[in-house]
Protein backbone atom coordinates (compact mmCIF):
# COMPACT_ATOMS: atom_id res chain seq x y z
CA MET A 1 68.34 290.21 173.74
CA ILE A 2 66.00 287.37 172.32
CA LYS A 3 62.14 287.80 172.98
CA ARG A 4 61.13 285.04 174.30
CA ILE A 5 57.48 284.83 172.59
CA PHE A 6 56.84 281.63 173.62
CA SER A 7 55.47 280.41 177.16
CA ILE A 8 53.70 276.99 178.16
CA ARG A 9 50.78 277.10 175.90
CA LEU A 10 48.35 274.24 174.37
CA VAL A 11 46.92 275.06 171.45
CA LEU A 12 44.44 273.76 168.85
CA SER A 13 44.88 275.50 165.49
CA ALA A 14 45.49 274.11 162.23
CA VAL A 15 46.40 277.68 161.48
CA LEU A 16 49.05 277.90 163.39
CA ILE A 17 50.26 274.62 162.39
CA SER A 18 50.12 274.88 158.76
CA GLY A 19 52.09 278.79 159.01
CA LEU A 20 54.00 279.62 161.82
CA LEU A 21 54.54 275.70 162.96
CA CYS A 22 55.62 274.92 159.71
CA ALA A 23 58.19 272.61 161.25
CA VAL A 24 57.34 269.10 160.56
CA CYS A 25 60.04 267.22 162.03
CA PHE A 26 58.00 263.46 161.29
CA ALA A 27 55.99 263.61 158.64
CA ALA A 28 53.71 259.62 158.29
CA ARG A 29 51.70 258.62 154.65
CA ALA A 30 48.72 257.28 156.48
CA GLU A 31 48.71 253.79 154.22
CA THR A 32 48.97 250.08 155.13
CA VAL A 33 51.35 247.59 152.65
CA ALA A 34 49.05 245.65 150.18
CA ALA A 35 50.70 242.74 148.65
CA ASP A 36 53.15 243.59 145.60
CA ALA A 37 51.05 240.63 142.80
CA ALA A 38 54.98 240.23 141.81
CA GLY A 39 55.96 239.21 145.11
CA GLY A 40 58.68 239.46 147.41
CA VAL A 41 58.30 243.01 148.57
CA PRO A 42 55.67 244.79 149.78
CA ALA A 43 54.12 247.51 147.38
CA ALA A 44 53.20 251.04 148.23
CA GLY A 45 49.35 250.75 147.53
CA SER A 46 47.13 252.46 150.01
CA VAL A 47 44.56 250.44 151.83
CA ALA A 48 44.55 253.04 154.97
CA SER A 49 40.54 252.18 155.16
CA ASN A 50 41.50 248.66 156.47
CA PHE A 51 43.33 249.94 159.59
CA THR A 52 43.06 252.04 162.67
CA ILE A 53 45.58 253.38 165.02
CA GLU A 54 44.77 252.74 168.37
CA ASN A 55 47.39 254.21 170.24
CA TYR A 56 50.94 256.20 168.76
CA ALA A 57 53.32 256.24 171.25
CA ALA A 58 56.88 258.29 170.63
CA ASP A 59 59.93 259.01 173.01
CA VAL A 60 63.00 261.00 172.42
CA THR A 61 66.01 260.99 173.67
CA VAL A 62 67.65 264.47 172.76
CA GLY A 63 71.78 264.09 172.53
CA ALA A 64 73.96 266.70 173.78
CA ASP A 65 75.20 266.94 169.88
CA LYS A 66 71.20 267.31 169.29
CA VAL A 67 70.79 264.03 167.51
CA LEU A 68 67.31 262.27 168.49
CA ALA A 69 67.12 258.60 169.57
CA VAL A 70 63.62 258.03 168.26
CA THR A 71 61.22 255.08 169.20
CA GLU A 72 57.77 255.37 168.15
CA ASN A 73 55.05 252.67 169.23
CA ILE A 74 52.58 252.21 166.72
CA THR A 75 49.73 250.15 167.61
CA MET A 76 47.55 249.37 164.72
CA ARG A 77 44.72 247.35 164.23
CA TYR A 78 43.35 245.71 160.82
CA LYS A 79 39.43 245.83 160.40
CA SER A 80 40.19 242.57 157.17
CA ASP A 81 41.79 239.66 156.87
CA GLY A 82 44.30 238.91 153.75
CA VAL A 83 44.11 242.82 152.89
CA SER A 84 47.14 244.27 154.86
CA VAL A 85 50.76 243.02 155.04
CA GLY A 86 52.50 245.91 157.08
CA MET A 87 52.40 249.65 156.93
CA ILE A 88 54.43 252.50 155.49
CA ARG A 89 55.90 255.14 157.83
CA ASP A 90 57.47 258.23 155.83
CA ILE A 91 60.47 260.42 157.81
CA ALA A 92 60.61 263.79 156.73
CA ARG A 93 64.04 265.32 156.25
CA LEU A 94 63.41 268.31 154.50
CA GLN A 95 62.01 270.75 156.97
CA ASP A 96 60.83 274.59 156.58
CA ILE A 97 61.01 276.32 159.85
CA THR A 98 59.57 280.00 161.16
CA PHE A 99 61.45 281.44 163.96
CA GLU A 100 61.02 285.08 165.76
CA VAL A 101 64.16 286.04 166.66
CA ASN A 102 63.78 289.77 168.30
CA GLY A 103 60.86 290.66 166.63
CA LYS A 104 62.27 289.47 163.07
CA ILE A 105 60.92 286.52 161.19
CA ILE A 106 63.20 284.35 159.70
CA ASN A 107 62.61 281.31 157.46
CA LYS A 108 65.26 278.66 157.76
CA THR A 109 65.57 275.75 155.47
CA TYR A 110 66.79 272.56 156.81
CA LEU A 111 67.79 268.78 155.17
CA TYR A 112 67.95 266.00 158.83
CA ALA A 113 70.10 263.15 158.63
CA VAL A 114 68.00 259.82 159.47
CA SER A 115 70.05 256.89 160.31
CA ASP A 116 69.91 253.14 162.21
CA VAL A 117 67.08 252.55 161.24
CA ASN A 118 65.26 249.39 162.73
CA VAL A 119 61.61 247.84 163.19
CA LEU A 120 60.21 245.17 165.12
CA VAL A 121 56.12 244.40 165.37
CA ASN A 122 55.05 242.77 169.02
CA GLY A 123 58.62 242.69 169.42
CA LYS A 124 59.82 240.58 166.73
CA PRO A 125 61.92 241.60 163.99
CA GLU A 126 60.28 242.01 161.13
CA TYR A 127 61.16 242.57 157.20
CA PHE A 128 61.35 246.06 156.15
CA TYR A 129 63.37 248.35 153.48
CA THR A 130 63.93 252.00 153.45
CA GLU A 131 63.96 254.42 150.35
CA TYR A 132 64.52 257.89 149.50
CA TYR A 133 62.65 260.06 147.32
CA GLY A 134 62.01 263.72 146.81
CA ASP A 135 63.93 266.35 144.73
CA SER A 136 66.76 265.85 147.61
CA ASN A 137 66.13 263.33 148.97
CA ASP A 138 63.88 264.60 152.05
CA THR A 139 61.80 261.68 152.83
CA LEU A 140 63.22 258.67 153.93
CA SER A 141 60.02 256.03 153.88
CA VAL A 142 60.26 252.86 155.80
CA TYR A 143 58.80 249.78 153.77
CA ILE A 144 57.35 247.39 156.29
CA GLY A 145 55.85 243.84 155.86
CA LYS A 146 56.66 241.26 153.40
CA ASP A 147 54.25 239.67 150.66
CA GLY A 148 51.97 237.06 151.69
CA ALA A 149 52.53 238.20 155.74
CA TYR A 150 49.12 239.54 155.52
CA LYS A 151 48.11 240.50 158.96
CA ASN A 152 44.87 239.30 161.05
CA ALA A 153 41.96 241.72 161.92
CA ALA A 154 41.62 239.47 165.27
CA GLU A 155 44.75 240.83 167.10
CA ASP A 156 47.03 244.05 167.43
CA TYR A 157 49.90 244.85 165.55
CA THR A 158 52.50 247.33 167.54
CA TYR A 159 54.80 248.60 165.41
CA THR A 160 58.41 249.63 167.18
CA ILE A 161 60.45 251.62 164.92
CA THR A 162 63.45 253.02 165.94
CA TYR A 163 65.92 255.55 164.21
CA LYS A 164 68.38 258.33 164.58
CA TYR A 165 67.43 261.46 163.82
CA ASN A 166 70.06 264.74 163.46
CA LEU A 167 68.44 268.30 163.64
CA GLY A 168 71.90 269.89 164.01
CA LYS A 169 72.45 273.65 165.22
CA THR A 170 69.37 276.14 164.41
CA GLY A 171 71.98 278.31 162.76
CA ILE A 172 70.96 281.48 163.78
CA SER A 173 73.53 284.04 165.63
CA GLY A 174 73.04 284.32 169.33
CA TYR A 175 69.70 282.10 168.91
CA GLU A 176 68.91 278.27 169.83
CA GLU A 177 65.54 277.20 169.72
CA PHE A 178 64.87 272.92 169.65
CA VAL A 179 61.62 272.63 167.68
CA LEU A 180 59.85 268.67 166.91
CA HIS A 181 56.20 267.75 165.29
CA VAL A 182 56.34 264.94 167.68
CA ILE A 183 53.41 263.18 166.69
CA THR A 184 52.33 263.28 163.07
CA GLY A 185 49.22 264.79 161.81
CA GLU A 186 49.13 263.56 158.42
CA TRP A 187 47.33 259.71 158.98
CA SER A 188 43.65 258.98 157.07
CA THR A 189 42.64 257.45 160.00
CA PRO A 190 42.11 258.90 163.52
CA ILE A 191 44.84 258.72 166.04
CA LYS A 192 42.10 257.16 169.06
CA ARG A 193 45.50 257.72 171.65
CA ALA A 194 48.67 259.55 171.48
CA GLU A 195 51.69 259.74 174.28
CA PHE A 196 55.12 261.55 174.23
CA SER A 197 57.83 262.12 176.29
CA ILE A 198 60.76 264.19 175.52
CA THR A 199 64.37 263.59 177.02
CA MET A 200 66.63 266.69 177.04
CA PRO A 201 70.33 266.20 177.79
CA GLY A 202 69.84 269.22 180.74
CA ALA A 203 67.80 271.49 182.75
CA PHE A 204 65.80 273.91 180.52
CA ASP A 205 63.28 276.69 181.56
CA LYS A 206 59.59 275.46 181.20
CA ASN A 207 58.79 278.72 180.70
CA ALA A 208 60.12 278.54 177.55
CA LEU A 209 58.34 275.59 176.31
CA SER A 210 55.29 275.79 173.93
CA VAL A 211 53.36 272.50 172.77
CA TYR A 212 50.44 272.87 169.79
CA GLY A 213 48.01 270.63 169.27
CA MET A 214 46.57 269.54 172.42
CA PRO A 215 43.07 270.80 173.56
CA ALA A 216 42.64 274.05 175.14
CA GLU A 217 41.25 272.72 178.00
CA THR A 218 43.34 269.69 180.02
CA ASP A 219 42.48 266.65 181.67
CA ASP A 220 43.86 263.66 182.81
CA ASP A 221 43.84 262.27 179.32
CA ASN A 222 45.06 265.26 177.70
CA LYS A 223 47.99 267.12 179.29
CA VAL A 224 51.05 268.10 178.82
CA TRP A 225 53.55 268.34 181.73
CA VAL A 226 57.33 268.92 182.32
CA ASP A 227 59.07 265.69 184.71
CA GLY A 228 62.83 267.25 185.53
CA ARG A 229 64.37 267.12 182.44
CA THR A 230 61.28 264.74 180.35
CA ILE A 231 58.58 267.02 178.44
CA ARG A 232 55.54 264.56 178.57
CA GLY A 233 52.02 264.77 177.02
CA ILE A 234 48.75 262.30 176.35
CA ARG A 235 46.32 262.77 174.03
CA THR A 236 42.80 261.03 173.02
CA ALA A 237 41.39 261.54 169.75
CA ALA A 238 44.74 263.47 168.33
CA ASP A 239 43.24 264.48 164.86
CA TYR A 240 46.25 267.20 164.80
CA ALA A 241 49.67 267.09 164.78
CA ILE A 242 51.86 267.71 168.32
CA THR A 243 54.42 269.94 168.03
CA ALA A 244 57.00 271.22 170.60
CA ARG A 245 59.22 274.31 170.61
CA LEU A 246 61.61 275.03 173.35
CA ILE A 247 64.03 277.97 173.39
CA LEU A 248 67.33 277.47 174.68
CA PRO A 249 70.55 279.34 175.73
CA THR A 250 72.54 279.65 172.85
CA ASP A 251 75.35 276.97 174.56
CA TYR A 252 72.70 274.49 175.49
CA PHE A 253 74.08 271.70 173.27
CA GLY A 254 77.59 270.61 172.59
CA ASP A 255 80.02 270.10 169.57
CA TYR A 256 77.36 269.49 166.50
CA LYS A 257 77.53 269.85 162.84
CA LEU A 258 74.91 271.92 161.16
CA PRO A 259 72.24 269.91 158.93
CA MET A 260 73.28 269.91 155.55
CA SER A 261 71.36 272.19 152.96
CA ALA A 262 70.02 270.52 149.64
CA GLY A 263 72.55 272.43 148.22
CA GLN A 264 75.37 271.24 150.13
CA LEU A 265 74.12 267.64 149.41
CA VAL A 266 74.56 267.98 145.96
CA ILE A 267 78.08 269.77 146.02
CA TYR A 268 79.50 267.03 148.76
CA CYS A 269 77.74 264.12 146.07
CA ALA A 270 79.88 265.96 143.41
CA LEU A 271 82.95 266.09 145.17
CA PHE A 272 82.87 262.41 146.49
CA GLY A 273 81.90 260.99 142.94
CA PHE A 274 85.15 263.10 141.55
CA ALA A 275 87.58 261.95 144.64
CA VAL A 276 86.48 258.28 143.97
CA VAL A 277 86.99 258.55 140.13
CA ALA A 278 90.38 260.30 140.58
CA ALA A 279 91.38 257.42 142.51
């Protein structure tokens, strides 16, 4: 029998987040983008002191195949004109997650697939490009903004970033758990307000849900609740990441593939390259 060690708990603990909760499913580099002197594309220079995050809303729909449809609406306010042309959003693919199953600690590493990225700013299409970095292409960076298109300090800009994120099977015999770092905690400026929703594909036991990174005392502006198949939360002054963990029946998700490991990715690329040359 699987030991259910989690109940609905709201925990504010940097130690838990960096230790047991090392499942950082979405990471962000807190940088706005300065114009590239060479022209054409934004440079990766950090001018983080020029913006604040007024609101960060993450809406996640979880498919029966454990592929997430993610919509992030990040409202930013710039402090000075003529400095920033956009922002960089890093999406972490390589994840180290710690599980406890029947009293045993199990550490797993996953390489998640990210696809179908799109960006709007204030509801209109915005120039962006993506680039992988890291030893195993473990992070997908989304560079948003074009040289010369400076943002004004007089208005707010809402970046709507959508993408699909394939969590795949947990890969532990007789065990299934959904782990999601739904609000990132690596911004270099405070998030004034954060809200999230996670809609699961079927019913679940709310007593198997844990949410970390919320205040110990709740009120109308700082709370988590379950609405049918949807987990919802609101937090002001979100200085910490918010992570949801949900233990599920082993047959909760349907047919899906395991996330590709870093080693598998190298082998696959080598075999695919050989096949192309052979053809």
